[in-house]
C-alpha cells in the first residue's frame, strides 16, 4: 500500500529500493524546509555504504510502503549528502527541539515549553510532501517524557528556517525560494551583492538552481558557475535544458567550457554539443532537442499522457510531433505535428498519425530569429518544429526562448512593469460590489 501520510520518524532505517527492486540503501534522515508557517519535505538522506550518505528528493520517490520506499528512477545522484542553509534535519534539528503552542484545543499547554517528538508528513495534490502535524510532549521534573499530543503545524510557534535557534538570513532567504517562481528567485539573486549571490546559489539544490539560472542574465549565469566547484557546475548543467546549458557554456572561456562538457554525462552533453555547433543568431541555437515525439501509431491518450509531464514547459506541451524511428533527435523522417487543441477534440483511442496537421510547415535550423518570429505570428503558435535539409526533426523552438533572444540583453534587469500605468487595486468593498 502506497502511503500518503506517515510520521517521518518511522521512515528512519527504512529500506530504499530502485524501480526494479534493486537495493539502494537505508533512510538515515529526513530533510525539511520551513518558511511562512509551511514545512516542506525536501527529501531523504540515504546511507548507501558505511558512512556515505546521498540525497534523494521526495519528488523522486514513487511510493512509501510499510518497511520500504521505492524511487521513480534507477538514475540517482551519488554525490555525498551535505545539508545546506535553510535545510533542517528531522533527527538533528527537529526532534527534541523546544517550541510552544497556541492551539485552542490544548489550553493546558499554553505558555509551556514543549518538545517535538516527531512530525507527520502528508502528500499534497501537487505531489509535494508537507508537514501537517507535530507530535509534542512535556518533560516531567525528572526529565521523563510525558503524554504525547498531536498538534497541527500552524499552531506550533518557535520554528523557522534555522530550526529553533537564532534566525539565519541566508536560511530564511533560501526557504522563501521554495514558494517563489523561478523568475522571481532569479530577480532576487540579481539584486544581491555578487559575493552573497554566489554563496546563496551554492546552497541551492541542483534542480532548482538549474531552473533559476535559465531565468538569469547570461553574465550572472557564467559568474555563478565559475565560482563553483567544477564537478558541481557540471552537475547543474546536466539538470538544465540543453538549449539553456548551451547558452551558459557559450559565455564561458572555451577551455572551461570544454572541461565542463567532458565532466557531464555523455547522454546529457551530446545534445548540448549539437546546439553549440549552430550560429547563435539561428533557430538551431534556440531550439530544444527534447520535444514530445511519438510514432504515428501512438494514440491520443498516449500523447496527452506525455503532455501532462509537469517537467515540460507550457509551450513544449502545446504540440506533439510525429516522426518515423528513431524517435530521439535527430529523428527519422518528420511527418508533422498535432496541436493540443486537436488532441482534446479527438477520442482517446484515435491514432495521431491520422490527425496530423499537414498544412503546418517546419522551420529550418539555419533560419534566422526574425524568420522564426514571423512564423509564430503567421501560424499563431507558441512552439514549432525544426528540421534539417533531409526532413529529420532536430528539435523544437519555443516562443519564450525566441523572445529571450530578441529582447535587449539587459531585459531581465528591468522591471517588466516599468512602462505600465499604475492602477489602484480595488478595495474589498469594491470587489464585493463587482
Protein backbone atom coordinates (compact mmCIF):
# COMPACT_ATOMS: atom_id res chain seq x y z
CA UNK A 1 0.00 0.00 0.00
CA UNK A 2 1.39 3.42 -1.00
CA UNK A 3 1.12 5.72 1.98
CA UNK A 4 0.30 9.40 1.55
CA UNK A 5 0.56 10.25 5.26
CA UNK A 6 3.12 8.97 7.75
CA UNK A 7 5.08 10.08 10.80
CA UNK A 8 8.52 10.91 9.43
CA UNK A 9 10.40 9.29 12.29
CA UNK A 10 9.12 5.93 11.08
CA UNK A 11 10.98 6.39 7.81
CA UNK A 12 14.37 6.26 9.55
CA UNK A 13 16.02 2.92 8.81
CA UNK A 14 13.57 2.14 6.01
CA UNK A 15 14.96 0.26 3.00
CA UNK A 16 15.18 2.25 -0.25
CA UNK A 17 14.70 0.30 -3.48
CA UNK A 18 15.11 1.25 -7.12
CA UNK A 19 12.20 0.85 -9.59
CA UNK A 20 13.42 -2.67 -10.42
CA UNK A 21 13.60 -3.70 -6.77
CA UNK A 22 17.39 -3.23 -6.50
CA UNK A 23 18.66 -2.26 -3.04
CA UNK A 24 19.82 1.37 -2.90
CA UNK A 25 20.37 1.96 0.81
CA UNK A 26 18.59 2.88 4.04
CA UNK A 27 16.97 6.13 5.12
CA UNK A 28 19.03 7.84 7.79
CA UNK A 29 17.32 11.23 7.96
CA UNK A 30 14.54 13.38 6.51
CA UNK A 31 15.37 16.88 5.26
CA UNK A 32 12.80 19.63 5.72
CA UNK A 33 12.48 23.32 4.84
CA UNK A 34 10.31 25.72 6.88
CA UNK A 35 9.02 29.04 5.57
CA UNK A 36 5.96 31.19 6.19
CA UNK A 37 4.28 28.65 8.50
CA UNK A 38 4.74 25.88 5.92
CA UNK A 39 7.17 22.99 6.21
CA UNK A 40 8.09 21.16 3.02
CA UNK A 41 9.83 17.78 3.00
CA UNK A 42 12.71 18.18 0.54
CA UNK A 43 13.92 14.59 0.54
CA UNK A 44 15.70 11.85 2.44
CA UNK A 45 19.33 11.28 3.34
CA UNK A 46 20.10 7.69 2.38
CA UNK A 47 23.09 5.67 3.59
CA UNK A 48 24.38 3.72 0.59
CA UNK A 49 27.61 2.45 2.16
CA UNK A 50 29.18 2.71 5.58
CA UNK A 51 29.49 6.41 6.47
CA UNK A 52 28.41 7.52 2.98
CA UNK A 53 25.07 9.28 2.52
CA UNK A 54 23.38 10.64 -0.58
CA UNK A 55 20.28 12.79 -1.02
CA UNK A 56 17.12 11.68 -2.85
CA UNK A 57 14.45 14.38 -3.43
CA UNK A 58 10.91 13.48 -2.40
CA UNK A 59 9.72 14.13 -5.96
CA UNK A 60 11.92 11.19 -6.99
CA UNK A 61 10.15 8.87 -4.54
CA UNK A 62 7.49 6.76 -6.28
CA UNK A 63 5.94 5.13 -3.22
CA UNK A 64 6.23 4.61 0.52
CA UNK A 65 5.04 1.24 1.81
CA UNK A 66 5.48 -0.46 5.20
CA UNK A 67 9.21 -1.06 5.63
CA UNK A 68 10.35 0.21 2.23
CA UNK A 69 10.49 3.18 -0.09
CA UNK A 70 10.79 2.96 -3.90
CA UNK A 71 12.38 5.50 -6.24
CA UNK A 72 10.96 6.51 -9.62
CA UNK A 73 14.25 6.15 -11.49
CA UNK A 74 17.33 3.99 -11.24
CA UNK A 75 19.42 7.09 -12.02
CA UNK A 76 20.48 8.52 -8.67
CA UNK A 77 22.85 11.37 -7.86
CA UNK A 78 25.67 9.71 -5.89
CA UNK A 79 27.22 12.98 -4.71
CA UNK A 80 27.82 12.89 -0.93
CA UNK A 81 24.96 14.45 1.03
CA UNK A 82 25.64 17.86 2.57
CA UNK A 83 22.93 19.76 4.40
CA UNK A 84 22.59 23.31 3.09
CA UNK A 85 21.41 26.57 4.65
CA UNK A 86 17.66 26.59 5.05
CA UNK A 87 17.51 22.81 5.34
CA UNK A 88 16.58 21.16 8.62
CA UNK A 89 17.35 17.61 9.68
CA UNK A 90 14.47 15.77 11.34
CA UNK A 91 16.77 13.91 13.71
CA UNK A 92 19.27 16.67 14.47
CA UNK A 93 17.18 19.86 14.30
CA UNK A 94 13.52 18.99 14.87
CA UNK A 95 13.19 16.01 17.18
CA UNK A 96 13.95 17.32 20.65
CA UNK A 97 13.51 20.98 19.63
CA UNK A 98 11.79 23.20 22.23
CA UNK A 99 8.71 25.06 20.96
CA UNK A 100 5.37 26.35 22.26
CA UNK A 101 1.77 26.29 21.07
CA UNK A 102 -1.33 28.49 20.93
CA UNK A 103 -3.66 25.65 19.91
CA UNK A 104 -7.10 26.38 21.49
CA UNK A 105 -7.69 22.63 21.77
CA UNK A 106 -4.74 22.34 24.20
CA UNK A 107 -5.11 25.25 26.66
CA UNK A 108 -3.08 23.40 29.30
CA UNK A 109 -0.02 23.69 27.07
CA UNK A 110 -0.28 27.47 26.55
CA UNK A 111 2.80 29.24 27.91
CA UNK A 112 4.58 25.91 28.42
CA UNK A 113 7.79 24.68 26.83
CA UNK A 114 7.02 21.59 24.78
CA UNK A 115 9.34 19.27 22.91
CA UNK A 116 8.94 17.84 19.42
CA UNK A 117 8.82 14.06 19.35
CA UNK A 118 8.02 13.52 15.66
CA UNK A 119 6.32 15.20 12.69
CA UNK A 120 3.58 13.85 10.45
CA UNK A 121 4.16 14.35 6.71
CA UNK A 122 1.44 14.28 4.09
CA UNK A 123 1.50 14.19 0.29
CA UNK A 124 -0.39 17.08 -1.32
CA UNK A 125 -2.28 17.23 -4.60
CA UNK A 126 0.77 18.89 -6.19
CA UNK A 127 2.88 15.82 -5.26
CA UNK A 128 4.83 17.77 -2.63
CA UNK A 129 5.20 16.37 0.86
CA UNK A 130 4.36 18.80 3.66
CA UNK A 131 4.50 18.59 7.44
CA UNK A 132 0.87 18.58 8.56
CA UNK A 133 1.01 17.86 12.32
CA UNK A 134 3.60 17.75 15.07
CA UNK A 135 3.81 15.25 17.91
CA UNK A 136 4.90 17.06 21.11
CA UNK A 137 5.39 16.28 24.77
CA UNK A 138 6.23 17.97 28.06
CA UNK A 139 9.17 16.78 30.10
CA UNK A 140 8.47 15.96 33.76
CA UNK A 141 10.59 17.36 36.55
CA UNK A 142 12.62 14.17 36.43
CA UNK A 143 13.25 14.71 32.73
CA UNK A 144 10.99 11.91 31.61
CA UNK A 145 8.78 12.21 28.57
CA UNK A 146 5.14 12.91 29.39
CA UNK A 147 1.94 12.42 27.41
CA UNK A 148 2.29 12.90 23.65
CA UNK A 149 -0.13 15.30 21.93
CA UNK A 150 -0.62 15.78 18.19
CA UNK A 151 -0.92 19.45 17.15
CA UNK A 152 -1.39 20.99 13.71
CA UNK A 153 1.74 22.77 12.45
CA UNK A 154 0.06 26.19 12.19
CA UNK A 155 -0.37 26.16 15.98
CA UNK A 156 3.30 25.43 16.67
CA UNK A 157 5.34 28.54 17.49
CA UNK A 158 9.13 28.92 17.58
CA UNK A 159 10.07 27.05 14.41
CA UNK A 160 11.64 28.78 11.41
CA UNK A 161 14.09 28.11 8.61
CA UNK A 162 17.01 27.71 11.00
CA UNK A 163 15.20 25.46 13.46
CA UNK A 164 14.68 26.95 16.91
CA UNK A 165 17.95 28.87 17.27
CA UNK A 166 18.96 32.33 16.06
CA UNK A 167 17.47 33.25 12.69
CA UNK A 168 19.94 32.94 9.79
CA UNK A 169 19.13 35.46 6.99
CA UNK A 170 20.54 33.15 4.32
CA UNK A 171 18.48 30.23 5.60
CA UNK A 172 15.33 32.37 5.60
CA UNK A 173 16.01 33.55 2.04
CA UNK A 174 16.64 30.02 0.77
CA UNK A 175 13.49 28.77 2.44
CA UNK A 176 11.47 31.55 0.81
CA UNK A 177 12.69 30.40 -2.62
CA UNK A 178 10.65 27.20 -2.24
CA UNK A 179 7.45 29.27 -2.56
CA UNK A 180 8.61 31.55 -5.41
CA UNK A 181 8.55 31.34 -9.20
CA UNK A 182 11.96 30.67 -10.75
CA UNK A 183 11.95 34.07 -12.47
CA UNK A 184 11.29 35.82 -9.14
CA UNK A 185 14.11 33.87 -7.47
CA UNK A 186 16.41 34.95 -10.31
CA UNK A 187 15.35 38.57 -9.83
CA UNK A 188 16.03 38.34 -6.08
CA UNK A 189 19.51 36.89 -6.67
CA UNK A 190 20.21 39.58 -9.24
CA UNK A 191 19.69 42.28 -6.60
CA UNK A 192 22.19 40.71 -4.17
CA UNK A 193 25.88 41.67 -3.99
CA UNK A 194 28.00 39.26 -6.07
CA UNK A 195 29.60 37.55 -3.05
CA UNK A 196 26.27 36.79 -1.36
CA UNK A 197 24.64 35.84 -4.67
CA UNK A 198 27.30 33.20 -5.27
CA UNK A 199 27.07 31.95 -1.70
CA UNK A 200 23.27 31.59 -1.85
CA UNK A 201 23.45 29.90 -5.26
CA UNK A 202 25.97 27.38 -3.94
CA UNK A 203 23.47 26.40 -1.22
CA UNK A 204 20.60 25.72 -3.64
CA UNK A 205 19.90 22.19 -4.87
CA UNK A 206 20.99 21.35 -8.42
CA UNK A 207 17.49 21.14 -9.93
CA UNK A 208 16.24 24.44 -8.58
CA UNK A 209 19.49 26.24 -9.39
CA UNK A 210 19.35 24.92 -12.96
CA UNK A 211 15.81 26.31 -13.39
CA UNK A 212 16.75 29.65 -11.82
CA UNK A 213 19.92 30.06 -13.89
CA UNK A 214 17.80 29.80 -17.05
CA UNK A 215 15.98 32.96 -15.89
CA UNK A 216 19.12 35.00 -15.13
CA UNK A 217 21.25 37.31 -17.29
CA UNK A 218 23.97 35.32 -19.04
CA UNK A 219 26.81 37.16 -17.27
CA UNK A 220 25.37 36.14 -13.88
CA UNK A 221 24.93 32.55 -15.09
CA UNK A 222 28.61 32.39 -16.03
CA UNK A 223 29.67 34.10 -12.79
CA UNK A 224 27.78 31.65 -10.57
CA UNK A 225 29.07 28.56 -12.39
CA UNK A 226 32.63 29.93 -12.41
CA UNK A 227 32.56 30.31 -8.62
CA UNK A 228 31.51 26.68 -8.10
CA UNK A 229 33.48 23.52 -7.78
CA UNK A 230 33.92 22.29 -11.37
CA UNK A 231 32.16 18.96 -10.70
CA UNK A 232 29.18 20.72 -9.06
CA UNK A 233 28.96 23.08 -12.04
CA UNK A 234 28.80 20.08 -14.40
CA UNK A 235 26.01 18.54 -12.27
CA UNK A 236 23.98 21.76 -12.51
CA UNK A 237 24.48 21.91 -16.29
CA UNK A 238 23.17 18.34 -16.57
CA UNK A 239 19.94 19.46 -14.89
CA UNK A 240 19.45 22.36 -17.31
CA UNK A 241 17.57 22.13 -20.59
CA UNK A 242 20.14 21.57 -23.37
CA UNK A 243 19.45 24.94 -25.02
CA UNK A 244 19.92 26.79 -21.71
CA UNK A 245 23.10 24.84 -20.94
CA UNK A 246 24.47 25.68 -24.39
CA UNK A 247 23.80 29.39 -23.79
CA UNK A 248 25.66 29.34 -20.46
CA UNK A 249 28.64 27.43 -21.85
CA UNK A 250 28.90 29.93 -24.70
CA UNK A 251 29.52 32.65 -22.10
CA UNK A 252 32.45 30.80 -20.53
CA UNK A 253 36.02 30.65 -21.82
CA UNK A 254 36.44 27.82 -24.36
CA UNK A 255 38.83 25.87 -22.12
CA UNK A 256 36.44 25.86 -19.16
CA UNK A 257 33.50 25.09 -21.41
CA UNK A 258 35.34 22.06 -22.85
CA UNK A 259 36.19 20.75 -19.37
CA UNK A 260 32.58 21.05 -18.22
CA UNK A 261 31.33 19.22 -21.30
CA UNK A 262 33.82 16.41 -20.59
CA UNK A 263 32.61 16.13 -16.99
CA UNK A 264 28.94 15.95 -17.98
CA UNK A 265 27.27 12.61 -18.62
CA UNK A 266 27.74 11.85 -22.35
CA UNK A 267 23.97 11.46 -22.85
CA UNK A 268 23.45 14.93 -21.36
CA UNK A 269 26.34 16.63 -23.14
CA UNK A 270 25.66 15.24 -26.65
CA UNK A 271 22.60 17.44 -27.40
CA UNK A 272 24.36 20.45 -25.87
CA UNK A 273 27.34 19.96 -28.18
CA UNK A 274 25.00 19.77 -31.20
CA UNK A 275 23.31 23.03 -30.28
CA UNK A 276 26.65 24.79 -29.81
CA UNK A 277 27.54 24.00 -33.44
CA UNK A 278 24.83 26.35 -34.72
CA UNK A 279 25.38 30.06 -35.23
CA UNK A 280 23.96 31.96 -32.19
CA UNK A 281 21.57 34.02 -34.35
CA UNK A 282 19.85 30.99 -35.92
CA UNK A 283 16.83 28.90 -34.94
CA UNK A 284 19.13 25.91 -34.38
CA UNK A 285 20.83 27.67 -31.47
CA UNK A 286 17.46 28.39 -29.81
CA UNK A 287 15.77 25.02 -30.12
CA UNK A 288 15.39 22.31 -27.53
CA UNK A 289 16.24 18.80 -28.77
CA UNK A 290 13.72 17.19 -26.40
CA UNK A 291 10.15 17.98 -27.53
CA UNK A 292 7.34 15.40 -27.43
CA UNK A 293 7.98 12.96 -30.30
CA UNK A 294 5.74 9.97 -30.98
CA UNK A 295 5.16 7.32 -33.65
CA UNK A 296 2.14 7.71 -35.96
CA UNK A 297 0.65 4.58 -34.32
CA UNK A 298 0.56 6.27 -30.90
CA UNK A 299 -2.90 7.15 -29.60
CA UNK A 300 -4.36 10.45 -28.46
CA UNK A 301 -4.38 9.05 -24.90
CA UNK A 302 -0.61 8.42 -25.07
CA UNK A 303 0.01 11.90 -26.47
CA UNK A 304 -2.00 13.57 -23.70
CA UNK A 305 -0.19 11.50 -21.07
CA UNK A 306 3.15 12.75 -22.39
CA UNK A 307 1.90 16.34 -22.47
CA UNK A 308 0.90 16.10 -18.79
CA UNK A 309 4.55 15.74 -17.75
CA UNK A 310 4.98 18.53 -15.16
CA UNK A 311 8.63 18.95 -16.15
CA UNK A 312 7.61 20.11 -19.64
CA UNK A 313 7.16 23.83 -20.25
CA UNK A 314 3.73 25.06 -21.29
CA UNK A 315 4.97 25.83 -24.80
CA UNK A 316 6.56 22.40 -25.37
CA UNK A 317 3.42 20.62 -24.16
CA UNK A 318 1.25 22.54 -26.64
CA UNK A 319 2.15 20.36 -29.63
CA UNK A 320 3.13 16.73 -30.29
CA UNK A 321 5.47 15.90 -33.16
CA UNK A 322 5.16 12.73 -35.23
CA UNK A 323 8.09 11.05 -36.95
CA UNK A 324 9.45 7.75 -38.21
CA UNK A 325 12.02 5.97 -36.00
CA UNK A 326 14.38 6.75 -34.40
CA UNK A 327 12.34 8.99 -32.13
CA UNK A 328 15.29 10.69 -30.38
CA UNK A 329 16.55 13.74 -32.25
CA UNK A 330 17.65 13.78 -34.97
CA UNK A 331 14.68 11.57 -35.81
CA UNK A 332 13.72 9.63 -38.87
CA UNK A 333 11.51 11.27 -41.49
CA UNK A 334 9.41 14.05 -39.90
CA UNK A 335 5.68 13.60 -40.62
CA UNK A 336 4.09 16.59 -38.90
CA UNK A 337 2.57 17.86 -35.69
CA UNK A 338 -0.68 17.64 -33.74
CA UNK A 339 -1.72 20.63 -31.65
CA UNK A 340 -3.10 20.19 -28.14
CA UNK A 341 -6.46 21.65 -29.15
CA UNK A 342 -6.89 18.91 -31.74
CA UNK A 343 -5.86 16.19 -29.28
CA UNK A 344 -8.53 17.37 -26.85
CA UNK A 345 -11.24 17.08 -29.51
CA UNK A 346 -10.44 13.51 -30.60
CA UNK A 347 -11.37 10.17 -28.95
CA UNK A 348 -8.55 8.77 -26.75
CA UNK A 349 -8.13 5.67 -28.96
CA UNK A 350 -7.52 7.67 -32.16
CA UNK A 351 -4.07 7.16 -33.70
CA UNK A 352 -2.29 10.50 -34.04
CA UNK A 353 -0.93 9.59 -37.46
CA UNK A 354 -4.43 10.15 -38.83
CA UNK A 355 -4.90 13.65 -37.41
CA UNK A 356 -1.56 15.25 -38.31
CA UNK A 357 -1.75 18.88 -39.45
CA UNK A 358 -0.29 18.50 -42.95
CA UNK A 359 -0.55 22.25 -43.70
CA UNK A 360 1.84 23.29 -40.93
CA UNK A 361 5.36 23.93 -42.33
CA UNK A 362 8.54 23.48 -40.32
CA UNK A 363 11.42 25.81 -39.57
CA UNK A 364 14.96 25.01 -40.68
CA UNK A 365 17.85 25.05 -38.23
CA UNK A 366 19.65 27.71 -40.31
CA UNK A 367 16.63 30.07 -40.36
CA UNK A 368 17.09 33.44 -38.70
CA UNK A 369 15.40 34.51 -35.49
CA UNK A 370 13.36 37.05 -37.47
CA UNK A 371 12.08 34.21 -39.67
CA UNK A 372 11.01 32.33 -36.54
CA UNK A 373 9.21 35.43 -35.21
CA UNK A 374 7.27 35.76 -38.48
CA UNK A 375 6.50 32.04 -38.36
CA UNK A 376 4.92 32.26 -34.89
CA UNK A 377 2.97 35.40 -35.82
CA UNK A 378 1.66 33.76 -39.00
CA UNK A 379 0.55 30.43 -37.54
CA UNK A 380 -0.43 31.59 -34.01
CA UNK A 381 1.82 29.01 -32.35
CA UNK A 382 3.99 29.01 -29.25
CA UNK A 383 6.17 26.09 -30.36
CA UNK A 384 7.35 25.00 -33.80
CA UNK A 385 9.29 22.07 -35.32
CA UNK A 386 12.88 22.47 -36.53
CA UNK A 387 14.15 20.16 -39.30
CA UNK A 388 17.28 19.71 -41.40
CA UNK A 389 17.55 19.61 -45.19
CA UNK A 390 16.65 15.90 -45.19
CA UNK A 391 13.45 16.49 -43.15
CA UNK A 392 14.76 14.93 -39.96
CA UNK A 393 13.30 16.54 -36.83
CA UNK A 394 16.16 18.18 -34.89
CA UNK A 395 14.09 19.72 -32.13
CA UNK A 396 11.57 22.45 -31.45
CA UNK A 397 11.83 26.17 -30.84
CA UNK A 398 9.54 27.79 -28.25
CA UNK A 399 8.36 31.37 -28.49
CA UNK A 400 9.61 32.16 -24.97
CA UNK A 401 13.17 31.19 -25.95
CA UNK A 402 12.86 33.32 -29.08
CA UNK A 403 11.68 36.35 -27.11
CA UNK A 404 14.55 35.86 -24.67
CA UNK A 405 16.98 36.44 -27.56
CA UNK A 406 15.04 39.15 -29.40
CA UNK A 407 14.64 41.40 -26.34
CA UNK A 408 17.55 43.67 -25.29
CA UNK A 409 20.34 41.86 -23.43
CA UNK A 410 19.51 43.64 -20.16
CA UNK A 411 15.77 42.97 -20.26
CA UNK A 412 15.93 40.69 -17.22
CA UNK A 413 17.46 43.52 -15.22
CA UNK A 414 14.47 45.81 -15.80
CA UNK A 415 11.05 45.67 -14.17
CA UNK A 416 8.68 44.33 -16.83
CA UNK A 417 6.00 46.65 -15.39
CA UNK A 418 8.16 49.75 -15.94
CA UNK A 419 6.03 51.14 -18.77
CA UNK A 420 2.70 50.05 -17.32
CA UNK A 421 0.33 52.66 -15.86
CA UNK A 422 -0.15 52.50 -12.13
CA UNK A 423 -3.56 51.06 -11.38
CA UNK A 424 -5.02 51.25 -7.89
CA UNK A 425 -6.15 47.91 -6.51
CA UNK A 426 -9.89 47.78 -5.70
CA UNK A 427 -10.85 47.65 -2.06
CA UNK A 428 -12.62 44.64 -0.54
CA UNK A 429 -15.88 46.59 -0.68
CA UNK A 430 -15.38 47.37 -4.38
CA UNK A 431 -14.60 43.72 -5.13
CA UNK A 432 -17.80 42.63 -3.39
CA UNK A 433 -19.86 45.13 -5.42
CA UNK A 434 -18.36 43.75 -8.63
